[in-house]
Amino acid sequence: MRRGAPREVAVDVVADLAGRGYVDDAAFARHWVETRAARGVGPARLRAELRARGVGPALVDAALAALAPDEALERARAAARRRLPALRRGRPERVAARLCDHLRRRGYAASVVVRVVRELLGRVPGE
């Protein structure tokens, strides 16, 4: 037996809930960005997470616009500082590359990653 309600019933219920203010994709997107960014997640990853959850591009852009660019840099620095002690236990020649990889996976732009790694280690991989 198939789960769920017929499509037309589901559409009507969702429309009714949205009309009453119980379903608000914009509020969800803002909350998601605020909470995940506070945990060190960068803009690119936030965008991908929201899109994977079915939030429309315009709402994603609006939610991400609330993030100040300098805040992203500070969050990237904080994430790098938290990760750096564990990376330093490994091979010294790999620390910069692994820190870059970590920050890129967290969703930070290449320019932010290079700046943070250069600030903390004095160099980036390939230099």
C-alpha atoms as a PDB file:
ATOM      1  CA  MET A   1       0.000   0.000   0.000  1.00  0.00           C
ATOM      2  CA  ARG A   2       1.264   3.434  -0.932  1.00  0.00           C
ATOM      3  CA  ARG A   3       1.886   5.941   1.845  1.00  0.00           C
ATOM      4  CA  GLY A   4       0.582   9.465   1.877  1.00  0.00           C
ATOM      5  CA  ALA A   5      -2.441  11.260   0.586  1.00  0.00           C
ATOM      6  CA  PRO A   6      -3.484  11.811  -3.013  1.00  0.00           C
ATOM      7  CA  ARG A   7      -1.584  14.697  -4.628  1.00  0.00           C
ATOM      8  CA  GLU A   8      -4.559  17.063  -4.784  1.00  0.00           C
ATOM      9  CA  VAL A   9      -5.288  16.550  -1.075  1.00  0.00           C
ATOM     10  CA  ALA A  10      -1.649  17.138  -0.153  1.00  0.00           C
ATOM     11  CA  VAL A  11      -1.524  20.336  -2.233  1.00  0.00           C
ATOM     12  CA  ASP A  12      -4.701  21.633  -0.557  1.00  0.00           C
ATOM     13  CA  VAL A  13      -3.414  20.845   2.944  1.00  0.00           C
ATOM     14  CA  VAL A  14      -0.041  22.493   2.321  1.00  0.00           C
ATOM     15  CA  ALA A  15      -1.746  25.567   0.838  1.00  0.00           C
ATOM     16  CA  ASP A  16      -4.037  25.790   3.886  1.00  0.00           C
ATOM     17  CA  LEU A  17      -1.098  25.457   6.303  1.00  0.00           C
ATOM     18  CA  ALA A  18       0.905  28.077   4.388  1.00  0.00           C
ATOM     19  CA  GLY A  19      -2.095  30.424   4.429  1.00  0.00           C
ATOM     20  CA  ARG A  20      -2.279  30.086   8.206  1.00  0.00           C
ATOM     21  CA  GLY A  21       1.435  30.764   8.563  1.00  0.00           C
ATOM     22  CA  TYR A  22       2.476  27.268   9.618  1.00  0.00           C
ATOM     23  CA  VAL A  23       4.580  26.642   6.500  1.00  0.00           C
ATOM     24  CA  ASP A  24       7.030  29.418   5.682  1.00  0.00           C
ATOM     25  CA  ASP A  25       9.962  28.498   3.460  1.00  0.00           C
ATOM     26  CA  ALA A  26      11.549  31.936   3.834  1.00  0.00           C
ATOM     27  CA  ALA A  27      11.539  31.694   7.637  1.00  0.00           C
ATOM     28  CA  PHE A  28      12.886  28.150   7.427  1.00  0.00           C
ATOM     29  CA  ALA A  29      15.706  29.255   5.110  1.00  0.00           C
ATOM     30  CA  ARG A  30      16.643  32.190   7.373  1.00  0.00           C
ATOM     31  CA  HIS A  31      16.670  29.961  10.442  1.00  0.00           C
ATOM     32  CA  TRP A  32      18.697  27.266   8.655  1.00  0.00           C
ATOM     33  CA  VAL A  33      21.310  29.791   7.528  1.00  0.00           C
ATOM     34  CA  GLU A  34      21.573  31.385  10.979  1.00  0.00           C
ATOM     35  CA  THR A  35      21.977  28.134  12.881  1.00  0.00           C
ATOM     36  CA  ARG A  36      24.243  26.327  10.420  1.00  0.00           C
ATOM     37  CA  ALA A  37      26.438  29.401   9.824  1.00  0.00           C
ATOM     38  CA  ALA A  38      26.904  29.691  13.581  1.00  0.00           C
ATOM     39  CA  ARG A  39      28.315  26.140  13.475  1.00  0.00           C
ATOM     40  CA  GLY A  40      30.927  27.154  10.893  1.00  0.00           C
ATOM     41  CA  VAL A  41      29.191  26.152   7.664  1.00  0.00           C
ATOM     42  CA  GLY A  42      30.041  28.364   4.690  1.00  0.00           C
ATOM     43  CA  PRO A  43      27.753  29.925   2.081  1.00  0.00           C
ATOM     44  CA  ALA A  44      28.294  27.361  -0.691  1.00  0.00           C
ATOM     45  CA  ARG A  45      27.405  24.451   1.551  1.00  0.00           C
ATOM     46  CA  LEU A  46      24.418  26.322   3.009  1.00  0.00           C
ATOM     47  CA  ARG A  47      23.146  26.928  -0.522  1.00  0.00           C
ATOM     48  CA  ALA A  48      23.489  23.237  -1.398  1.00  0.00           C
ATOM     49  CA  GLU A  49      21.784  22.117   1.819  1.00  0.00           C
ATOM     50  CA  LEU A  50      18.811  24.423   1.300  1.00  0.00           C
ATOM     51  CA  ARG A  51      18.442  23.428  -2.356  1.00  0.00           C
ATOM     52  CA  ALA A  52      18.538  19.752  -1.319  1.00  0.00           C
ATOM     53  CA  ARG A  53      15.657  20.490   1.045  1.00  0.00           C
ATOM     54  CA  GLY A  54      13.557  21.955  -1.750  1.00  0.00           C
ATOM     55  CA  VAL A  55      13.929  25.651  -0.966  1.00  0.00           C
ATOM     56  CA  GLY A  56      13.675  27.800  -4.094  1.00  0.00           C
ATOM     57  CA  PRO A  57      16.662  29.732  -5.446  1.00  0.00           C
ATOM     58  CA  ALA A  58      15.170  33.159  -4.678  1.00  0.00           C
ATOM     59  CA  LEU A  59      14.551  32.237  -1.034  1.00  0.00           C
ATOM     60  CA  VAL A  60      18.032  30.737  -0.733  1.00  0.00           C
ATOM     61  CA  ASP A  61      19.583  33.908  -2.133  1.00  0.00           C
ATOM     62  CA  ALA A  62      17.561  36.074   0.252  1.00  0.00           C
ATOM     63  CA  ALA A  63      18.547  33.985   3.277  1.00  0.00           C
ATOM     64  CA  LEU A  64      22.225  34.023   2.314  1.00  0.00           C
ATOM     65  CA  ALA A  65      22.131  37.773   1.669  1.00  0.00           C
ATOM     66  CA  ALA A  66      21.594  38.237   5.405  1.00  0.00           C
ATOM     67  CA  LEU A  67      25.116  36.905   6.001  1.00  0.00           C
ATOM     68  CA  ALA A  68      27.686  39.675   6.009  1.00  0.00           C
ATOM     69  CA  PRO A  69      30.818  38.826   3.969  1.00  0.00           C
ATOM     70  CA  ASP A  70      33.127  39.719   6.850  1.00  0.00           C
ATOM     71  CA  GLU A  71      31.185  37.309   9.079  1.00  0.00           C
ATOM     72  CA  ALA A  72      31.971  34.473   6.658  1.00  0.00           C
ATOM     73  CA  LEU A  73      35.658  35.303   6.952  1.00  0.00           C
ATOM     74  CA  GLU A  74      35.478  35.279  10.756  1.00  0.00           C
ATOM     75  CA  ARG A  75      33.561  31.986  10.773  1.00  0.00           C
ATOM     76  CA  ALA A  76      36.151  30.456   8.426  1.00  0.00           C
ATOM     77  CA  ARG A  77      38.933  31.610  10.743  1.00  0.00           C
ATOM     78  CA  ALA A  78      37.170  30.095  13.743  1.00  0.00           C
ATOM     79  CA  ALA A  79      36.572  26.792  11.916  1.00  0.00           C
ATOM     80  CA  ALA A  80      40.231  26.685  10.860  1.00  0.00           C
ATOM     81  CA  ARG A  81      41.464  27.387  14.392  1.00  0.00           C
ATOM     82  CA  ARG A  82      39.286  24.569  15.756  1.00  0.00           C
ATOM     83  CA  ARG A  83      40.554  22.095  13.141  1.00  0.00           C
ATOM     84  CA  LEU A  84      44.219  23.082  13.123  1.00  0.00           C
ATOM     85  CA  PRO A  85      45.360  21.248  16.296  1.00  0.00           C
ATOM     86  CA  ALA A  86      44.168  17.908  14.925  1.00  0.00           C
ATOM     87  CA  LEU A  87      45.785  18.564  11.554  1.00  0.00           C
ATOM     88  CA  ARG A  88      49.109  19.439  13.145  1.00  0.00           C
ATOM     89  CA  ARG A  89      49.316  15.930  14.621  1.00  0.00           C
ATOM     90  CA  GLY A  90      49.715  14.616  11.075  1.00  0.00           C
ATOM     91  CA  ARG A  91      52.439  15.128   8.518  1.00  0.00           C
ATOM     92  CA  PRO A  92      53.621  18.772   8.655  1.00  0.00           C
ATOM     93  CA  GLU A  93      53.906  19.085   4.875  1.00  0.00           C
ATOM     94  CA  ARG A  94      50.197  18.211   4.520  1.00  0.00           C
ATOM     95  CA  VAL A  95      48.753  20.633   7.095  1.00  0.00           C
ATOM     96  CA  ALA A  96      48.072  23.505   4.678  1.00  0.00           C
ATOM     97  CA  ALA A  97      46.483  21.262   2.046  1.00  0.00           C
ATOM     98  CA  ARG A  98      44.312  19.472   4.573  1.00  0.00           C
ATOM     99  CA  LEU A  99      43.182  22.757   6.132  1.00  0.00           C
ATOM    100  CA  CYS A 100      42.268  24.069   2.675  1.00  0.00           C
ATOM    101  CA  ASP A 101      40.315  20.895   1.982  1.00  0.00           C
ATOM    102  CA  HIS A 102      38.504  21.158   5.310  1.00  0.00           C
ATOM    103  CA  LEU A 103      37.421  24.743   4.715  1.00  0.00           C
ATOM    104  CA  ARG A 104      36.329  24.045   1.123  1.00  0.00           C
ATOM    105  CA  ARG A 105      34.197  21.109   2.312  1.00  0.00           C
ATOM    106  CA  ARG A 106      32.649  23.439   4.892  1.00  0.00           C
ATOM    107  CA  GLY A 107      31.497  25.618   1.989  1.00  0.00           C
ATOM    108  CA  TYR A 108      33.867  28.571   2.012  1.00  0.00           C
ATOM    109  CA  ALA A 109      34.934  30.321  -1.191  1.00  0.00           C
ATOM    110  CA  ALA A 110      38.453  29.749  -2.478  1.00  0.00           C
ATOM    111  CA  SER A 111      39.428  33.367  -1.806  1.00  0.00           C
ATOM    112  CA  VAL A 112      38.366  33.046   1.834  1.00  0.00           C
ATOM    113  CA  VAL A 113      40.154  29.707   2.196  1.00  0.00           C
ATOM    114  CA  VAL A 114      43.414  31.036   0.774  1.00  0.00           C
ATOM    115  CA  ARG A 115      43.271  34.121   2.976  1.00  0.00           C
ATOM    116  CA  VAL A 116      42.594  32.171   6.176  1.00  0.00           C
ATOM    117  CA  VAL A 117      45.218  29.493   5.509  1.00  0.00           C
ATOM    118  CA  ARG A 118      47.807  32.141   4.626  1.00  0.00           C
ATOM    119  CA  GLU A 119      46.993  34.054   7.828  1.00  0.00           C
ATOM    120  CA  LEU A 120      47.269  30.984  10.044  1.00  0.00           C
ATOM    121  CA  LEU A 121      50.129  29.131   8.371  1.00  0.00           C
ATOM    122  CA  GLY A 122      51.898  31.762   6.319  1.00  0.00           C
ATOM    123  CA  ARG A 123      51.470  29.752   3.125  1.00  0.00           C
ATOM    124  CA  VAL A 124      48.969  27.836   1.024  1.00  0.00           C
ATOM    125  CA  PRO A 125      49.535  24.593  -0.875  1.00  0.00           C
ATOM    126  CA  GLY A 126      51.369  25.066  -4.147  1.00  0.00           C
ATOM    127  CA  GLU A 127      53.276  28.154  -3.051  1.00  0.00           C
END
